[in-house]
Amino acid sequence: MKCLFCGCEDSKVIDSRSADEGRTIRRRRECTNCGKRYTTYETIEDTPVLVIKTSGLRQAFDARKIKNGIIKSCEKRPVSLETIDEMVSAVAKKVYNSMEQEISSKQIGEMVMEELKKHDEVAYVRYASVYRSFKDVESFMHELQMLMDNKKI
């Protein structure tokens, strides 16, 4: 970090504090050459993740869309908003930890179903019925049978 006053690249940190609800670190520095003090901020760099839709279009990842879908599937179910937020955070974390700049909506849908399956099987089946767009009762029954088979194991 270059000193604003003399351009020297050597400085020492006098004080560090958390800012912006822990997302930023504020550092007070002193130039070792001229002795003047200045402030720097260190923040986490957000790399945007694009979602590739089934139509081929790309749009920015938005965790609110995941939350809305989970809320709809959990309607009239004993799933708290806190649990829904935890599921959304878990999916968002997986998306960002994948280190991919582009991810398919299909992958995200599978992540959501994985989380729903852990918390509420009825909500899982609701989400799966829309996500996998079951064409008939047979495909719906097949999904239910797979769920029942996994439960027996």
N, C-alpha and C. Protein backbone atom coordinates (compact mmCIF):
# COMPACT_ATOMS: atom_id res chain seq x y z
N MET A 1 0.85 -1.16 0.00
CA MET A 1 0.00 0.00 0.00
C MET A 1 0.90 1.23 0.00
N LYS A 2 0.74 2.08 -1.00
CA LYS A 2 1.55 3.29 -1.11
C LYS A 2 1.02 4.38 -0.19
N CYS A 3 1.95 5.09 0.42
CA CYS A 3 1.60 6.24 1.26
C CYS A 3 1.02 7.32 0.36
N LEU A 4 -0.07 7.93 0.81
CA LEU A 4 -0.73 9.00 0.05
C LEU A 4 0.13 10.26 -0.05
N PHE A 5 1.05 10.41 0.91
CA PHE A 5 1.80 11.66 1.01
C PHE A 5 3.16 11.61 0.32
N CYS A 6 3.89 10.48 0.49
CA CYS A 6 5.23 10.42 -0.09
C CYS A 6 5.42 9.29 -1.10
N GLY A 7 4.44 8.39 -1.19
CA GLY A 7 4.52 7.32 -2.18
C GLY A 7 5.31 6.09 -1.72
N CYS A 8 5.82 6.13 -0.51
CA CYS A 8 6.58 5.00 0.03
C CYS A 8 5.65 3.78 0.17
N GLU A 9 6.17 2.59 -0.16
CA GLU A 9 5.33 1.38 -0.10
C GLU A 9 5.44 0.66 1.24
N ASP A 10 6.18 1.19 2.17
CA ASP A 10 6.36 0.53 3.46
C ASP A 10 5.59 1.29 4.53
N SER A 11 4.71 0.57 5.23
CA SER A 11 3.94 1.18 6.32
C SER A 11 3.71 0.13 7.39
N LYS A 12 3.33 0.62 8.57
CA LYS A 12 2.98 -0.32 9.63
C LYS A 12 1.56 -0.05 10.07
N VAL A 13 0.88 -1.12 10.49
CA VAL A 13 -0.50 -1.01 10.93
C VAL A 13 -0.51 -0.59 12.39
N ILE A 14 -1.20 0.51 12.68
CA ILE A 14 -1.32 1.04 14.03
C ILE A 14 -2.54 0.44 14.73
N ASP A 15 -3.65 0.33 13.98
CA ASP A 15 -4.91 -0.13 14.58
C ASP A 15 -5.74 -0.83 13.50
N SER A 16 -6.42 -1.92 13.87
CA SER A 16 -7.35 -2.62 12.97
C SER A 16 -8.68 -2.77 13.68
N ARG A 17 -9.75 -2.48 12.93
CA ARG A 17 -11.09 -2.61 13.49
C ARG A 17 -12.03 -3.19 12.45
N SER A 18 -13.01 -3.89 12.93
CA SER A 18 -14.04 -4.43 12.05
C SER A 18 -15.02 -3.31 11.71
N ALA A 19 -15.49 -3.29 10.49
CA ALA A 19 -16.47 -2.30 10.05
C ALA A 19 -17.49 -2.99 9.15
N ASP A 20 -18.58 -2.32 8.87
CA ASP A 20 -19.60 -2.82 7.96
C ASP A 20 -20.09 -4.21 8.37
N GLU A 21 -20.44 -4.34 9.63
CA GLU A 21 -20.96 -5.60 10.19
C GLU A 21 -20.02 -6.78 9.96
N GLY A 22 -18.73 -6.53 10.06
CA GLY A 22 -17.75 -7.60 9.95
C GLY A 22 -17.33 -7.93 8.53
N ARG A 23 -17.86 -7.23 7.53
CA ARG A 23 -17.51 -7.52 6.15
C ARG A 23 -16.30 -6.71 5.67
N THR A 24 -15.87 -5.75 6.49
CA THR A 24 -14.76 -4.88 6.14
C THR A 24 -13.84 -4.72 7.34
N ILE A 25 -12.54 -4.59 7.05
CA ILE A 25 -11.57 -4.30 8.11
C ILE A 25 -11.00 -2.92 7.83
N ARG A 26 -11.08 -2.05 8.83
CA ARG A 26 -10.53 -0.70 8.74
C ARG A 26 -9.17 -0.73 9.39
N ARG A 27 -8.13 -0.31 8.64
CA ARG A 27 -6.78 -0.30 9.18
C ARG A 27 -6.21 1.12 9.19
N ARG A 28 -5.69 1.49 10.32
CA ARG A 28 -5.01 2.79 10.46
C ARG A 28 -3.53 2.49 10.28
N ARG A 29 -2.90 3.14 9.32
CA ARG A 29 -1.50 2.88 8.99
C ARG A 29 -0.63 4.11 9.22
N GLU A 30 0.66 3.85 9.43
CA GLU A 30 1.64 4.92 9.55
C GLU A 30 2.78 4.63 8.58
N CYS A 31 3.10 5.62 7.78
CA CYS A 31 4.18 5.47 6.81
C CYS A 31 5.52 5.42 7.55
N THR A 32 6.37 4.46 7.19
CA THR A 32 7.67 4.35 7.86
C THR A 32 8.66 5.39 7.34
N ASN A 33 8.36 6.02 6.21
CA ASN A 33 9.25 7.02 5.63
C ASN A 33 8.95 8.43 6.17
N CYS A 34 7.70 8.89 6.01
CA CYS A 34 7.38 10.27 6.40
C CYS A 34 6.65 10.36 7.75
N GLY A 35 6.16 9.23 8.28
CA GLY A 35 5.51 9.22 9.59
C GLY A 35 4.05 9.66 9.58
N LYS A 36 3.51 10.00 8.42
CA LYS A 36 2.11 10.42 8.35
C LYS A 36 1.19 9.19 8.42
N ARG A 37 -0.03 9.44 8.90
CA ARG A 37 -1.00 8.35 9.07
C ARG A 37 -2.13 8.46 8.05
N TYR A 38 -2.63 7.30 7.65
CA TYR A 38 -3.76 7.23 6.74
C TYR A 38 -4.55 5.95 7.01
N THR A 39 -5.77 5.89 6.47
CA THR A 39 -6.67 4.77 6.71
C THR A 39 -6.89 3.98 5.43
N THR A 40 -6.89 2.65 5.56
CA THR A 40 -7.22 1.78 4.43
C THR A 40 -8.36 0.86 4.85
N TYR A 41 -9.07 0.35 3.86
CA TYR A 41 -10.17 -0.58 4.11
C TYR A 41 -9.94 -1.85 3.30
N GLU A 42 -10.13 -2.98 3.96
CA GLU A 42 -9.98 -4.28 3.31
C GLU A 42 -11.36 -4.93 3.29
N THR A 43 -11.83 -5.29 2.09
CA THR A 43 -13.16 -5.91 1.98
C THR A 43 -13.06 -7.21 1.20
N ILE A 44 -14.05 -8.05 1.40
CA ILE A 44 -14.14 -9.30 0.65
C ILE A 44 -14.63 -8.97 -0.75
N GLU A 45 -13.95 -9.54 -1.73
CA GLU A 45 -14.34 -9.30 -3.11
C GLU A 45 -15.41 -10.30 -3.50
N ASP A 46 -16.57 -9.80 -3.86
CA ASP A 46 -17.66 -10.66 -4.31
C ASP A 46 -17.49 -10.93 -5.79
N THR A 47 -17.39 -12.20 -6.13
CA THR A 47 -17.35 -12.55 -7.55
C THR A 47 -18.76 -12.90 -7.96
N PRO A 48 -19.28 -12.19 -8.93
CA PRO A 48 -20.65 -12.47 -9.33
C PRO A 48 -20.77 -13.88 -9.93
N VAL A 49 -21.85 -14.56 -9.59
CA VAL A 49 -22.12 -15.88 -10.14
C VAL A 49 -23.32 -15.74 -11.05
N LEU A 50 -23.20 -16.25 -12.26
CA LEU A 50 -24.30 -16.21 -13.21
C LEU A 50 -25.00 -17.56 -13.23
N VAL A 51 -26.32 -17.52 -13.27
CA VAL A 51 -27.13 -18.73 -13.34
C VAL A 51 -27.52 -18.94 -14.80
N ILE A 52 -27.25 -20.15 -15.30
CA ILE A 52 -27.63 -20.48 -16.66
C ILE A 52 -29.00 -21.14 -16.60
N LYS A 53 -30.00 -20.44 -17.11
CA LYS A 53 -31.37 -20.93 -17.10
C LYS A 53 -31.53 -22.03 -18.14
N THR A 54 -32.62 -22.79 -18.06
CA THR A 54 -32.85 -23.88 -19.02
C THR A 54 -33.00 -23.35 -20.44
N SER A 55 -33.42 -22.11 -20.58
CA SER A 55 -33.56 -21.49 -21.90
C SER A 55 -32.21 -21.06 -22.48
N GLY A 56 -31.16 -21.13 -21.65
CA GLY A 56 -29.83 -20.70 -22.10
C GLY A 56 -29.48 -19.28 -21.69
N LEU A 57 -30.48 -18.54 -21.23
CA LEU A 57 -30.23 -17.17 -20.76
C LEU A 57 -29.45 -17.20 -19.47
N ARG A 58 -28.70 -16.15 -19.22
CA ARG A 58 -27.92 -16.04 -18.00
C ARG A 58 -28.39 -14.83 -17.20
N GLN A 59 -28.44 -15.03 -15.87
CA GLN A 59 -28.78 -13.91 -15.00
C GLN A 59 -28.02 -14.07 -13.69
N ALA A 60 -27.88 -12.97 -12.97
CA ALA A 60 -27.12 -12.98 -11.71
C ALA A 60 -27.82 -13.86 -10.68
N PHE A 61 -27.01 -14.58 -9.89
CA PHE A 61 -27.54 -15.42 -8.82
C PHE A 61 -28.24 -14.53 -7.80
N ASP A 62 -29.43 -14.92 -7.39
CA ASP A 62 -30.21 -14.15 -6.42
C ASP A 62 -30.80 -15.10 -5.39
N ALA A 63 -30.29 -15.05 -4.18
CA ALA A 63 -30.74 -15.94 -3.11
C ALA A 63 -32.20 -15.69 -2.74
N ARG A 64 -32.72 -14.50 -3.03
CA ARG A 64 -34.12 -14.21 -2.72
C ARG A 64 -35.07 -15.09 -3.53
N LYS A 65 -34.66 -15.44 -4.75
CA LYS A 65 -35.49 -16.33 -5.58
C LYS A 65 -35.56 -17.72 -4.96
N ILE A 66 -34.45 -18.16 -4.42
CA ILE A 66 -34.42 -19.46 -3.74
C ILE A 66 -35.33 -19.41 -2.52
N LYS A 67 -35.22 -18.34 -1.76
CA LYS A 67 -36.05 -18.19 -0.57
C LYS A 67 -37.54 -18.21 -0.92
N ASN A 68 -37.92 -17.50 -1.97
CA ASN A 68 -39.33 -17.47 -2.39
C ASN A 68 -39.82 -18.86 -2.77
N GLY A 69 -39.00 -19.62 -3.48
CA GLY A 69 -39.38 -20.98 -3.87
C GLY A 69 -39.53 -21.90 -2.67
N ILE A 70 -38.62 -21.76 -1.72
CA ILE A 70 -38.69 -22.59 -0.51
C ILE A 70 -39.91 -22.20 0.32
N ILE A 71 -40.18 -20.92 0.43
CA ILE A 71 -41.35 -20.47 1.20
C ILE A 71 -42.63 -21.04 0.59
N LYS A 72 -42.74 -21.03 -0.74
CA LYS A 72 -43.93 -21.58 -1.40
C LYS A 72 -44.08 -23.07 -1.11
N SER A 73 -42.98 -23.80 -1.16
CA SER A 73 -43.07 -25.24 -0.93
C SER A 73 -43.32 -25.58 0.54
N CYS A 74 -42.99 -24.66 1.44
CA CYS A 74 -43.18 -24.90 2.88
C CYS A 74 -44.48 -24.30 3.41
N GLU A 75 -45.32 -23.77 2.52
CA GLU A 75 -46.57 -23.17 2.94
C GLU A 75 -47.42 -24.19 3.71
N LYS A 76 -47.97 -23.76 4.83
CA LYS A 76 -48.81 -24.59 5.70
C LYS A 76 -48.08 -25.83 6.21
N ARG A 77 -46.75 -25.70 6.36
CA ARG A 77 -45.92 -26.76 6.91
C ARG A 77 -45.24 -26.23 8.17
N PRO A 78 -44.87 -27.11 9.08
CA PRO A 78 -44.23 -26.64 10.33
C PRO A 78 -42.74 -26.33 10.15
N VAL A 79 -42.44 -25.45 9.21
CA VAL A 79 -41.05 -25.07 8.95
C VAL A 79 -40.91 -23.59 9.28
N SER A 80 -40.04 -23.29 10.25
CA SER A 80 -39.88 -21.89 10.69
C SER A 80 -39.12 -21.07 9.65
N LEU A 81 -39.30 -19.76 9.74
CA LEU A 81 -38.58 -18.85 8.86
C LEU A 81 -37.08 -18.95 9.10
N GLU A 82 -36.71 -19.21 10.33
CA GLU A 82 -35.30 -19.39 10.67
C GLU A 82 -34.71 -20.59 9.92
N THR A 83 -35.46 -21.69 9.86
CA THR A 83 -35.02 -22.89 9.14
C THR A 83 -34.93 -22.60 7.65
N ILE A 84 -35.90 -21.85 7.13
CA ILE A 84 -35.88 -21.47 5.71
C ILE A 84 -34.64 -20.65 5.41
N ASP A 85 -34.33 -19.68 6.28
CA ASP A 85 -33.13 -18.86 6.10
C ASP A 85 -31.86 -19.71 6.14
N GLU A 86 -31.84 -20.71 7.02
CA GLU A 86 -30.69 -21.62 7.09
C GLU A 86 -30.53 -22.40 5.80
N MET A 87 -31.66 -22.86 5.23
CA MET A 87 -31.61 -23.59 3.96
C MET A 87 -31.09 -22.69 2.84
N VAL A 88 -31.59 -21.47 2.79
CA VAL A 88 -31.16 -20.52 1.76
C VAL A 88 -29.66 -20.25 1.91
N SER A 89 -29.20 -20.04 3.14
CA SER A 89 -27.77 -19.80 3.38
C SER A 89 -26.93 -20.99 2.96
N ALA A 90 -27.41 -22.19 3.25
CA ALA A 90 -26.67 -23.39 2.88
C ALA A 90 -26.52 -23.51 1.36
N VAL A 91 -27.61 -23.23 0.64
CA VAL A 91 -27.56 -23.29 -0.83
C VAL A 91 -26.64 -22.20 -1.38
N ALA A 92 -26.79 -20.98 -0.87
CA ALA A 92 -25.94 -19.87 -1.34
C ALA A 92 -24.47 -20.17 -1.07
N LYS A 93 -24.19 -20.74 0.08
CA LYS A 93 -22.81 -21.09 0.42
C LYS A 93 -22.25 -22.12 -0.56
N LYS A 94 -23.06 -23.12 -0.90
CA LYS A 94 -22.64 -24.14 -1.87
C LYS A 94 -22.37 -23.52 -3.24
N VAL A 95 -23.25 -22.59 -3.63
CA VAL A 95 -23.09 -21.93 -4.93
C VAL A 95 -21.78 -21.15 -4.97
N TYR A 96 -21.53 -20.34 -3.95
CA TYR A 96 -20.32 -19.52 -3.93
C TYR A 96 -19.06 -20.36 -3.69
N ASN A 97 -19.18 -21.43 -2.90
CA ASN A 97 -18.02 -22.29 -2.64
C ASN A 97 -17.67 -23.18 -3.82
N SER A 98 -18.56 -23.27 -4.79
CA SER A 98 -18.27 -24.08 -5.97
C SER A 98 -17.15 -23.45 -6.80
N MET A 99 -16.89 -22.17 -6.55
CA MET A 99 -15.85 -21.41 -7.23
C MET A 99 -16.08 -21.30 -8.75
N GLU A 100 -17.31 -21.58 -9.16
CA GLU A 100 -17.68 -21.44 -10.56
C GLU A 100 -18.27 -20.06 -10.78
N GLN A 101 -18.00 -19.48 -11.93
CA GLN A 101 -18.60 -18.19 -12.24
C GLN A 101 -19.97 -18.35 -12.86
N GLU A 102 -20.24 -19.55 -13.38
CA GLU A 102 -21.54 -19.86 -13.95
C GLU A 102 -22.00 -21.21 -13.40
N ILE A 103 -23.28 -21.28 -13.07
CA ILE A 103 -23.85 -22.51 -12.52
C ILE A 103 -25.24 -22.68 -13.12
N SER A 104 -25.62 -23.91 -13.41
CA SER A 104 -26.93 -24.12 -14.03
C SER A 104 -28.04 -24.06 -12.99
N SER A 105 -29.20 -23.64 -13.45
CA SER A 105 -30.36 -23.59 -12.55
C SER A 105 -30.71 -25.00 -12.08
N LYS A 106 -30.37 -25.99 -12.89
CA LYS A 106 -30.63 -27.39 -12.51
C LYS A 106 -29.80 -27.77 -11.28
N GLN A 107 -28.54 -27.37 -11.26
CA GLN A 107 -27.69 -27.66 -10.10
C GLN A 107 -28.23 -26.99 -8.84
N ILE A 108 -28.67 -25.75 -8.99
CA ILE A 108 -29.22 -25.02 -7.85
C ILE A 108 -30.50 -25.70 -7.36
N GLY A 109 -31.34 -26.11 -8.29
CA GLY A 109 -32.57 -26.81 -7.93
C GLY A 109 -32.30 -28.09 -7.15
N GLU A 110 -31.27 -28.81 -7.55
CA GLU A 110 -30.90 -30.05 -6.85
C GLU A 110 -30.41 -29.73 -5.43
N MET A 111 -29.66 -28.64 -5.29
CA MET A 111 -29.19 -28.22 -3.97
C MET A 111 -30.37 -27.87 -3.05
N VAL A 112 -31.35 -27.17 -3.62
CA VAL A 112 -32.54 -26.78 -2.84
C VAL A 112 -33.29 -28.03 -2.40
N MET A 113 -33.47 -28.97 -3.33
CA MET A 113 -34.20 -30.20 -2.97
C MET A 113 -33.47 -31.00 -1.90
N GLU A 114 -32.15 -31.00 -1.97
CA GLU A 114 -31.35 -31.70 -0.96
C GLU A 114 -31.60 -31.10 0.43
N GLU A 115 -31.65 -29.77 0.50
CA GLU A 115 -31.91 -29.10 1.78
C GLU A 115 -33.34 -29.36 2.26
N LEU A 116 -34.31 -29.27 1.35
CA LEU A 116 -35.71 -29.50 1.73
C LEU A 116 -35.92 -30.93 2.22
N LYS A 117 -35.26 -31.86 1.59
CA LYS A 117 -35.39 -33.27 1.97
C LYS A 117 -34.96 -33.50 3.41
N LYS A 118 -33.94 -32.75 3.85
CA LYS A 118 -33.44 -32.87 5.22
C LYS A 118 -34.45 -32.36 6.25
N HIS A 119 -35.25 -31.36 5.86
CA HIS A 119 -36.10 -30.66 6.83
C HIS A 119 -37.58 -31.03 6.77
N ASP A 120 -38.12 -31.22 5.57
CA ASP A 120 -39.55 -31.51 5.45
C ASP A 120 -39.81 -32.23 4.13
N GLU A 121 -40.22 -33.49 4.23
CA GLU A 121 -40.41 -34.30 3.03
C GLU A 121 -41.59 -33.85 2.17
N VAL A 122 -42.62 -33.32 2.80
CA VAL A 122 -43.77 -32.84 2.04
C VAL A 122 -43.35 -31.61 1.22
N ALA A 123 -42.62 -30.71 1.84
CA ALA A 123 -42.12 -29.53 1.12
C ALA A 123 -41.19 -29.95 -0.01
N TYR A 124 -40.40 -30.99 0.25
CA TYR A 124 -39.50 -31.53 -0.78
C TYR A 124 -40.30 -32.01 -1.99
N VAL A 125 -41.35 -32.79 -1.74
CA VAL A 125 -42.16 -33.33 -2.84
C VAL A 125 -42.87 -32.19 -3.58
N ARG A 126 -43.34 -31.20 -2.85
CA ARG A 126 -43.97 -30.04 -3.50
C ARG A 126 -42.99 -29.35 -4.44
N TYR A 127 -41.79 -29.08 -3.92
CA TYR A 127 -40.78 -28.40 -4.73
C TYR A 127 -40.40 -29.25 -5.93
N ALA A 128 -40.20 -30.55 -5.70
CA ALA A 128 -39.81 -31.47 -6.77
C ALA A 128 -40.88 -31.53 -7.85
N SER A 129 -42.15 -31.49 -7.45
CA SER A 129 -43.23 -31.58 -8.44
C SER A 129 -43.21 -30.39 -9.40
N VAL A 130 -42.85 -29.23 -8.90
CA VAL A 130 -42.75 -28.05 -9.76
C VAL A 130 -41.41 -28.05 -10.50
N TYR A 131 -40.35 -28.32 -9.77
CA TYR A 131 -39.00 -28.27 -10.35
C TYR A 131 -38.82 -29.31 -11.45
N ARG A 132 -39.26 -30.52 -11.18
CA ARG A 132 -39.08 -31.59 -12.18
C ARG A 132 -40.26 -31.66 -13.14
N SER A 133 -41.22 -30.79 -12.95
CA SER A 133 -42.45 -30.70 -13.76
C SER A 133 -42.96 -32.08 -14.16
N PHE A 134 -43.46 -32.79 -13.16
CA PHE A 134 -44.01 -34.12 -13.39
C PHE A 134 -45.11 -34.04 -14.45
N LYS A 135 -45.03 -34.93 -15.41
CA LYS A 135 -46.00 -34.91 -16.52
C LYS A 135 -47.28 -35.66 -16.18
N ASP A 136 -47.15 -36.64 -15.27
CA ASP A 136 -48.31 -37.44 -14.93
C ASP A 136 -48.19 -37.97 -13.51
N VAL A 137 -49.22 -38.66 -13.06
CA VAL A 137 -49.24 -39.21 -11.71
C VAL A 137 -48.16 -40.26 -11.53
N GLU A 138 -47.87 -40.98 -12.59
CA GLU A 138 -46.86 -42.05 -12.52
C GLU A 138 -45.48 -41.51 -12.15
N SER A 139 -45.06 -40.42 -12.76
CA SER A 139 -43.76 -39.85 -12.43
C SER A 139 -43.75 -39.29 -11.01
N PHE A 140 -44.89 -38.77 -10.58
CA PHE A 140 -45.02 -38.27 -9.21
C PHE A 140 -44.91 -39.43 -8.22
N MET A 141 -45.59 -40.53 -8.52
CA MET A 141 -45.56 -41.72 -7.66
C MET A 141 -44.15 -42.31 -7.62
N HIS A 142 -43.45 -42.26 -8.74
CA HIS A 142 -42.08 -42.77 -8.79
C HIS A 142 -41.19 -42.00 -7.81
N GLU A 143 -41.33 -40.69 -7.79
CA GLU A 143 -40.55 -39.85 -6.86
C GLU A 143 -40.90 -40.18 -5.42
N LEU A 144 -42.18 -40.36 -5.13
CA LEU A 144 -42.60 -40.72 -3.78
C LEU A 144 -42.05 -42.09 -3.38
N GLN A 145 -42.05 -43.03 -4.32
CA GLN A 145 -41.53 -44.36 -4.03
C GLN A 145 -40.04 -44.31 -3.72
N MET A 146 -39.31 -43.50 -4.47
CA MET A 146 -37.86 -43.34 -4.20
C MET A 146 -37.66 -42.76 -2.80
N LEU A 147 -38.48 -41.80 -2.41
CA LEU A 147 -38.40 -41.20 -1.08
C LEU A 147 -38.68 -42.25 -0.01
N MET A 148 -39.69 -43.06 -0.22
CA MET A 148 -40.04 -44.11 0.74
C MET A 148 -38.94 -45.17 0.83
N ASP A 149 -38.36 -45.54 -0.30
CA ASP A 149 -37.29 -46.53 -0.32
C ASP A 149 -36.07 -46.03 0.44
N ASN A 150 -35.74 -44.76 0.28
CA ASN A 150 -34.59 -44.18 0.98
C ASN A 150 -34.83 -44.10 2.48
N LYS A 151 -36.08 -43.96 2.87
CA LYS A 151 -36.43 -43.89 4.29
C LYS A 151 -36.26 -45.25 4.98
N LYS A 152 -36.49 -46.33 4.23
CA LYS A 152 -36.39 -47.69 4.77
C LYS A 152 -34.95 -48.09 5.03
N ILE A 153 -34.03 -47.48 4.31
CA ILE A 153 -32.61 -47.85 4.43
C ILE A 153 -32.01 -47.40 5.71
